[in-house]
PDB file of N, CA and C in Angstrom:
ATOM      1  N   UNK A   1     -54.741 137.986 218.017  1.00  0.00           N
ATOM      2  CA  UNK A   1     -56.082 137.541 218.314  1.00  0.00           C
ATOM      3  C   UNK A   1     -56.175 137.203 219.803  1.00  0.00           C
ATOM      4  N   UNK A   2     -57.205 137.692 220.414  1.00  0.00           N
ATOM      5  CA  UNK A   2     -57.417 137.496 221.845  1.00  0.00           C
ATOM      6  C   UNK A   2     -58.292 136.259 222.076  1.00  0.00           C
ATOM      7  N   UNK A   3     -57.933 135.447 223.042  1.00  0.00           N
ATOM      8  CA  UNK A   3     -58.702 134.246 223.373  1.00  0.00           C
ATOM      9  C   UNK A   3     -59.273 134.421 224.774  1.00  0.00           C
ATOM     10  N   UNK A   4     -60.589 134.345 224.866  1.00  0.00           N
ATOM     11  CA  UNK A   4     -61.257 134.482 226.160  1.00  0.00           C
ATOM     12  C   UNK A   4     -61.131 133.173 226.945  1.00  0.00           C
ATOM     13  N   UNK A   5     -61.116 133.253 228.274  1.00  0.00           N
ATOM     14  CA  UNK A   5     -61.041 132.026 229.084  1.00  0.00           C
ATOM     15  C   UNK A   5     -62.192 131.058 228.805  1.00  0.00           C
ATOM     16  N   UNK A   6     -63.379 131.597 228.510  1.00  0.00           N
ATOM     17  CA  UNK A   6     -64.518 130.709 228.229  1.00  0.00           C
ATOM     18  C   UNK A   6     -64.269 129.891 226.971  1.00  0.00           C
ATOM     19  N   UNK A   7     -63.525 130.458 226.015  1.00  0.00           N
ATOM     20  CA  UNK A   7     -63.209 129.711 224.802  1.00  0.00           C
ATOM     21  C   UNK A   7     -62.246 128.562 225.101  1.00  0.00           C
ATOM     22  N   UNK A   8     -61.310 128.788 225.979  1.00  0.00           N
ATOM     23  CA  UNK A   8     -60.369 127.733 226.347  1.00  0.00           C
ATOM     24  C   UNK A   8     -61.096 126.565 227.003  1.00  0.00           C
ATOM     25  N   UNK A   9     -61.995 126.875 227.924  1.00  0.00           N
ATOM     26  CA  UNK A   9     -62.754 125.823 228.599  1.00  0.00           C
ATOM     27  C   UNK A   9     -63.676 125.102 227.629  1.00  0.00           C
ATOM     28  N   UNK A  10     -64.343 125.843 226.758  1.00  0.00           N
ATOM     29  CA  UNK A  10     -65.276 125.225 225.818  1.00  0.00           C
ATOM     30  C   UNK A  10     -64.551 124.294 224.849  1.00  0.00           C
ATOM     31  N   UNK A  11     -63.408 124.722 224.338  1.00  0.00           N
ATOM     32  CA  UNK A  11     -62.654 123.879 223.410  1.00  0.00           C
ATOM     33  C   UNK A  11     -62.161 122.616 224.116  1.00  0.00           C
ATOM     34  N   UNK A  12     -61.694 122.749 225.339  1.00  0.00           N
ATOM     35  CA  UNK A  12     -61.213 121.558 226.052  1.00  0.00           C
ATOM     36  C   UNK A  12     -62.356 120.590 226.340  1.00  0.00           C
ATOM     37  N   UNK A  13     -63.536 121.108 226.693  1.00  0.00           N
ATOM     38  CA  UNK A  13     -64.688 120.231 226.920  1.00  0.00           C
ATOM     39  C   UNK A  13     -65.131 119.544 225.636  1.00  0.00           C
ATOM     40  N   UNK A  14     -65.183 120.303 224.544  1.00  0.00           N
ATOM     41  CA  UNK A  14     -65.567 119.708 223.263  1.00  0.00           C
ATOM     42  C   UNK A  14     -64.578 118.631 222.836  1.00  0.00           C
ATOM     43  N   UNK A  15     -63.305 118.917 222.974  1.00  0.00           N
ATOM     44  CA  UNK A  15     -62.284 117.960 222.554  1.00  0.00           C
ATOM     45  C   UNK A  15     -62.398 116.648 223.326  1.00  0.00           C
ATOM     46  N   UNK A  16     -62.538 116.746 224.641  1.00  0.00           N
ATOM     47  CA  UNK A  16     -62.624 115.517 225.439  1.00  0.00           C
ATOM     48  C   UNK A  16     -63.900 114.739 225.142  1.00  0.00           C
ATOM     49  N   UNK A  17     -65.024 115.440 224.926  1.00  0.00           N
ATOM     50  CA  UNK A  17     -66.269 114.737 224.628  1.00  0.00           C
ATOM     51  C   UNK A  17     -66.224 114.066 223.261  1.00  0.00           C
ATOM     52  N   UNK A  18     -65.643 114.735 222.273  1.00  0.00           N
ATOM     53  CA  UNK A  18     -65.571 114.151 220.935  1.00  0.00           C
ATOM     54  C   UNK A  18     -64.646 112.938 220.929  1.00  0.00           C
ATOM     55  N   UNK A  19     -63.507 113.051 221.582  1.00  0.00           N
ATOM     56  CA  UNK A  19     -62.579 111.915 221.655  1.00  0.00           C
ATOM     57  C   UNK A  19     -63.232 110.744 222.392  1.00  0.00           C
ATOM     58  N   UNK A  20     -63.892 111.022 223.502  1.00  0.00           N
ATOM     59  CA  UNK A  20     -64.552 109.956 224.259  1.00  0.00           C
ATOM     60  C   UNK A  20     -65.669 109.314 223.442  1.00  0.00           C
ATOM     61  N   UNK A  21     -66.395 110.119 222.681  1.00  0.00           N
ATOM     62  CA  UNK A  21     -67.487 109.579 221.875  1.00  0.00           C
ATOM     63  C   UNK A  21     -66.966 108.583 220.845  1.00  0.00           C
ATOM     64  N   UNK A  22     -65.910 108.950 220.138  1.00  0.00           N
ATOM     65  CA  UNK A  22     -65.406 108.070 219.085  1.00  0.00           C
ATOM     66  C   UNK A  22     -64.602 106.886 219.632  1.00  0.00           C
ATOM     67  N   UNK A  23     -63.890 107.077 220.715  1.00  0.00           N
ATOM     68  CA  UNK A  23     -63.110 105.969 221.267  1.00  0.00           C
ATOM     69  C   UNK A  23     -63.977 104.967 222.022  1.00  0.00           C
ATOM     70  N   UNK A  24     -64.994 105.454 222.702  1.00  0.00           N
ATOM     71  CA  UNK A  24     -65.822 104.576 223.524  1.00  0.00           C
ATOM     72  C   UNK A  24     -67.136 104.194 222.859  1.00  0.00           C
ATOM     73  N   UNK A  25     -67.435 104.770 221.693  1.00  0.00           N
ATOM     74  CA  UNK A  25     -68.695 104.452 221.011  1.00  0.00           C
ATOM     75  C   UNK A  25     -69.890 104.925 221.801  1.00  0.00           C
ATOM     76  N   UNK A  26     -69.919 106.201 222.089  1.00  0.00           N
ATOM     77  CA  UNK A  26     -70.945 106.771 222.959  1.00  0.00           C
ATOM     78  C   UNK A  26     -72.334 106.833 222.348  1.00  0.00           C
ATOM     79  N   UNK A  27     -73.270 107.263 223.150  1.00  0.00           N
ATOM     80  CA  UNK A  27     -74.666 107.394 222.766  1.00  0.00           C
ATOM     81  C   UNK A  27     -74.890 108.763 222.134  1.00  0.00           C
ATOM     82  N   UNK A  28     -75.594 108.800 221.012  1.00  0.00           N
ATOM     83  CA  UNK A  28     -75.829 110.068 220.313  1.00  0.00           C
ATOM     84  C   UNK A  28     -76.663 111.050 221.136  1.00  0.00           C
ATOM     85  N   UNK A  29     -77.655 110.556 221.863  1.00  0.00           N
ATOM     86  CA  UNK A  29     -78.546 111.475 222.576  1.00  0.00           C
ATOM     87  C   UNK A  29     -77.793 112.282 223.627  1.00  0.00           C
ATOM     88  N   UNK A  30     -76.989 111.644 224.430  1.00  0.00           N
ATOM     89  CA  UNK A  30     -76.247 112.396 225.449  1.00  0.00           C
ATOM     90  C   UNK A  30     -75.131 113.225 224.821  1.00  0.00           C
ATOM     91  N   UNK A  31     -74.556 112.736 223.739  1.00  0.00           N
ATOM     92  CA  UNK A  31     -73.481 113.462 223.062  1.00  0.00           C
ATOM     93  C   UNK A  31     -73.984 114.809 222.541  1.00  0.00           C
ATOM     94  N   UNK A  32     -75.114 114.804 221.828  1.00  0.00           N
ATOM     95  CA  UNK A  32     -75.630 116.052 221.264  1.00  0.00           C
ATOM     96  C   UNK A  32     -76.175 116.989 222.333  1.00  0.00           C
ATOM     97  N   UNK A  33     -76.727 116.436 223.404  1.00  0.00           N
ATOM     98  CA  UNK A  33     -77.222 117.287 224.489  1.00  0.00           C
ATOM     99  C   UNK A  33     -76.093 118.060 225.157  1.00  0.00           C
ATOM    100  N   UNK A  34     -74.893 117.508 225.169  1.00  0.00           N
ATOM    101  CA  UNK A  34     -73.761 118.187 225.792  1.00  0.00           C
ATOM    102  C   UNK A  34     -72.975 119.045 224.809  1.00  0.00           C
ATOM    103  N   UNK A  35     -72.835 118.584 223.572  1.00  0.00           N
ATOM    104  CA  UNK A  35     -71.993 119.283 222.603  1.00  0.00           C
ATOM    105  C   UNK A  35     -72.672 120.532 222.038  1.00  0.00           C
ATOM    106  N   UNK A  36     -73.963 120.476 221.777  1.00  0.00           N
ATOM    107  CA  UNK A  36     -74.642 121.622 221.147  1.00  0.00           C
ATOM    108  C   UNK A  36     -74.592 122.894 222.000  1.00  0.00           C
ATOM    109  N   UNK A  37     -74.899 122.852 223.301  1.00  0.00           N
ATOM    110  CA  UNK A  37     -74.805 124.089 224.096  1.00  0.00           C
ATOM    111  C   UNK A  37     -73.379 124.634 224.190  1.00  0.00           C
ATOM    112  N   UNK A  38     -72.396 123.752 224.284  1.00  0.00           N
ATOM    113  CA  UNK A  38     -71.012 124.221 224.365  1.00  0.00           C
ATOM    114  C   UNK A  38     -70.590 124.845 223.043  1.00  0.00           C
ATOM    115  N   UNK A  39     -71.031 124.267 221.932  1.00  0.00           N
ATOM    116  CA  UNK A  39     -70.719 124.840 220.620  1.00  0.00           C
ATOM    117  C   UNK A  39     -71.365 126.215 220.466  1.00  0.00           C
ATOM    118  N   UNK A  40     -72.598 126.350 220.926  1.00  0.00           N
ATOM    119  CA  UNK A  40     -73.272 127.645 220.857  1.00  0.00           C
ATOM    120  C   UNK A  40     -72.554 128.682 221.717  1.00  0.00           C
ATOM    121  N   UNK A  41     -72.110 128.281 222.889  1.00  0.00           N
ATOM    122  CA  UNK A  41     -71.367 129.180 223.775  1.00  0.00           C
ATOM    123  C   UNK A  41     -70.053 129.618 223.136  1.00  0.00           C
ATOM    124  N   UNK A  42     -69.376 128.689 222.496  1.00  0.00           N
ATOM    125  CA  UNK A  42     -68.117 128.993 221.826  1.00  0.00           C
ATOM    126  C   UNK A  42     -68.335 129.963 220.670  1.00  0.00           C
ATOM    127  N   UNK A  43     -69.393 129.764 219.902  1.00  0.00           N
ATOM    128  CA  UNK A  43     -69.718 130.651 218.782  1.00  0.00           C
ATOM    129  C   UNK A  43     -70.057 132.046 219.290  1.00  0.00           C
ATOM    130  N   UNK A  44     -70.839 132.127 220.349  1.00  0.00           N
ATOM    131  CA  UNK A  44     -71.248 133.422 220.900  1.00  0.00           C
ATOM    132  C   UNK A  44     -70.056 134.172 221.497  1.00  0.00           C
ATOM    133  N   UNK A  45     -69.163 133.469 222.158  1.00  0.00           N
ATOM    134  CA  UNK A  45     -67.974 134.110 222.726  1.00  0.00           C
ATOM    135  C   UNK A  45     -67.110 134.703 221.627  1.00  0.00           C
ATOM    136  N   UNK A  46     -67.033 134.030 220.491  1.00  0.00           N
ATOM    137  CA  UNK A  46     -66.264 134.549 219.364  1.00  0.00           C
ATOM    138  C   UNK A  46     -66.906 135.825 218.828  1.00  0.00           C
ATOM    139  N   UNK A  47     -68.238 135.865 218.757  1.00  0.00           N
ATOM    140  CA  UNK A  47     -68.932 137.070 218.299  1.00  0.00           C
ATOM    141  C   UNK A  47     -68.718 138.228 219.267  1.00  0.00           C
ATOM    142  N   UNK A  48     -68.738 137.950 220.561  1.00  0.00           N
ATOM    143  CA  UNK A  48     -68.536 139.011 221.545  1.00  0.00           C
ATOM    144  C   UNK A  48     -67.127 139.589 221.465  1.00  0.00           C
ATOM    145  N   UNK A  49     -66.136 138.740 221.216  1.00  0.00           N
ATOM    146  CA  UNK A  49     -64.768 139.235 221.065  1.00  0.00           C
ATOM    147  C   UNK A  49     -64.637 140.107 219.822  1.00  0.00           C
ATOM    148  N   UNK A  50     -65.330 139.725 218.734  1.00  0.00           N
ATOM    149  CA  UNK A  50     -65.305 140.545 217.525  1.00  0.00           C
ATOM    150  C   UNK A  50     -65.949 141.905 217.777  1.00  0.00           C
ATOM    151  N   UNK A  51     -67.068 141.920 218.498  1.00  0.00           N
ATOM    152  CA  UNK A  51     -67.744 143.178 218.797  1.00  0.00           C
ATOM    153  C   UNK A  51     -66.877 144.061 219.691  1.00  0.00           C
ATOM    154  N   UNK A  52     -66.195 143.454 220.642  1.00  0.00           N
ATOM    155  CA  UNK A  52     -65.309 144.211 221.532  1.00  0.00           C
ATOM    156  C   UNK A  52     -64.153 144.822 220.739  1.00  0.00           C
ATOM    157  N   UNK A  53     -63.615 144.060 219.799  1.00  0.00           N
ATOM    158  CA  UNK A  53     -62.512 144.558 218.980  1.00  0.00           C
ATOM    159  C   UNK A  53     -62.965 145.727 218.111  1.00  0.00           C
ATOM    160  N   UNK A  54     -64.156 145.634 217.550  1.00  0.00           N
ATOM    161  CA  UNK A  54     -64.688 146.725 216.732  1.00  0.00           C
ATOM    162  C   UNK A  54     -64.912 147.962 217.592  1.00  0.00           C
ATOM    163  N   UNK A  55     -65.428 147.777 218.809  1.00  0.00           N
ATOM    164  CA  UNK A  55     -65.705 148.908 219.694  1.00  0.00           C
ATOM    165  C   UNK A  55     -64.426 149.636 220.091  1.00  0.00           C
ATOM    166  N   UNK A  56     -63.348 148.899 220.319  1.00  0.00           N
ATOM    167  CA  UNK A  56     -62.096 149.530 220.735  1.00  0.00           C
ATOM    168  C   UNK A  56     -61.308 150.125 219.579  1.00  0.00           C
ATOM    169  N   UNK A  57     -61.625 149.747 218.358  1.00  0.00           N
ATOM    170  CA  UNK A  57     -60.886 150.249 217.205  1.00  0.00           C
ATOM    171  C   UNK A  57     -61.614 151.373 216.483  1.00  0.00           C
ATOM    172  N   UNK A  58     -62.522 152.063 217.172  1.00  0.00           N
ATOM    173  CA  UNK A  58     -63.223 153.193 216.570  1.00  0.00           C
ATOM    174  C   UNK A  58     -62.268 154.362 216.404  1.00  0.00           C
ATOM    175  N   UNK A  59     -62.568 155.193 215.427  1.00  0.00           N
ATOM    176  CA  UNK A  59     -61.750 156.386 215.226  1.00  0.00           C
ATOM    177  C   UNK A  59     -62.089 157.411 216.309  1.00  0.00           C
ATOM    178  N   UNK A  60     -61.203 158.373 216.579  1.00  0.00           N
ATOM    179  CA  UNK A  60     -61.483 159.389 217.605  1.00  0.00           C
ATOM    180  C   UNK A  60     -62.744 160.192 217.315  1.00  0.00           C
ATOM    181  N   UNK A  61     -63.036 160.451 216.052  1.00  0.00           N
ATOM    182  CA  UNK A  61     -64.244 161.206 215.710  1.00  0.00           C
ATOM    183  C   UNK A  61     -65.491 160.430 216.112  1.00  0.00           C
ATOM    184  N   UNK A  62     -65.497 159.125 215.894  1.00  0.00           N
ATOM    185  CA  UNK A  62     -66.646 158.312 216.264  1.00  0.00           C
ATOM    186  C   UNK A  62     -66.806 158.228 217.775  1.00  0.00           C
ATOM    187  N   UNK A  63     -65.714 158.141 218.504  1.00  0.00           N
ATOM    188  CA  UNK A  63     -65.816 158.016 219.955  1.00  0.00           C
ATOM    189  C   UNK A  63     -66.263 159.319 220.603  1.00  0.00           C
ATOM    190  N   UNK A  64     -65.999 160.467 219.981  1.00  0.00           N
ATOM    191  CA  UNK A  64     -66.406 161.755 220.539  1.00  0.00           C
ATOM    192  C   UNK A  64     -67.856 162.088 220.241  1.00  0.00           C
ATOM    193  N   UNK A  65     -68.484 161.386 219.317  1.00  0.00           N
ATOM    194  CA  UNK A  65     -69.867 161.683 218.963  1.00  0.00           C
ATOM    195  C   UNK A  65     -70.822 161.446 220.124  1.00  0.00           C
ATOM    196  N   UNK A  66     -70.566 160.440 220.930  1.00  0.00           N
ATOM    197  CA  UNK A  66     -71.511 160.058 221.970  1.00  0.00           C
ATOM    198  C   UNK A  66     -71.152 160.599 223.351  1.00  0.00           C
ATOM    199  N   UNK A  67     -70.090 161.339 223.462  1.00  0.00           N
ATOM    200  CA  UNK A  67     -69.717 161.903 224.762  1.00  0.00           C
ATOM    201  C   UNK A  67     -70.545 163.160 225.025  1.00  0.00           C
ATOM    202  N   UNK A  68     -70.999 163.286 226.242  1.00  0.00           N
ATOM    203  CA  UNK A  68     -71.731 164.495 226.590  1.00  0.00           C
ATOM    204  C   UNK A  68     -70.736 165.594 226.954  1.00  0.00           C
ATOM    205  N   UNK A  69     -71.079 166.800 226.613  1.00  0.00           N
ATOM    206  CA  UNK A  69     -70.195 167.938 226.874  1.00  0.00           C
ATOM    207  C   UNK A  69     -70.662 168.625 228.151  1.00  0.00           C
ATOM    208  N   UNK A  70     -69.739 168.837 229.075  1.00  0.00           N
ATOM    209  CA  UNK A  70     -70.051 169.513 230.319  1.00  0.00           C
ATOM    210  C   UNK A  70     -69.963 171.021 230.077  1.00  0.00           C
ATOM    211  N   UNK A  71     -71.057 171.775 230.250  1.00  0.00           N
ATOM    212  CA  UNK A  71     -71.037 173.211 229.951  1.00  0.00           C
ATOM    213  C   UNK A  71     -70.207 174.033 230.936  1.00  0.00           C
ATOM    214  N   UNK A  72     -69.842 173.501 232.072  1.00  0.00           N
ATOM    215  CA  UNK A  72     -69.100 174.288 233.058  1.00  0.00           C
ATOM    216  C   UNK A  72     -67.653 174.247 232.826  1.00  0.00           C
TER     217      UNK A  72
END
């Protein structure tokens, strides 16, 4: 399984914010404003990696369907 750099950063940011929230008794409004976009980014990065994996694992017949043929 391939891990994108954006996933590493997102997980580290989420981990530190969640730990700080529970240890310091943080405010819900600022917590959700920061955690929700990072969670969405992490989810989207995972989908993009899945799409990339599917694109690279196509069979040779599928990859030749969209290539243009040079008549010369």
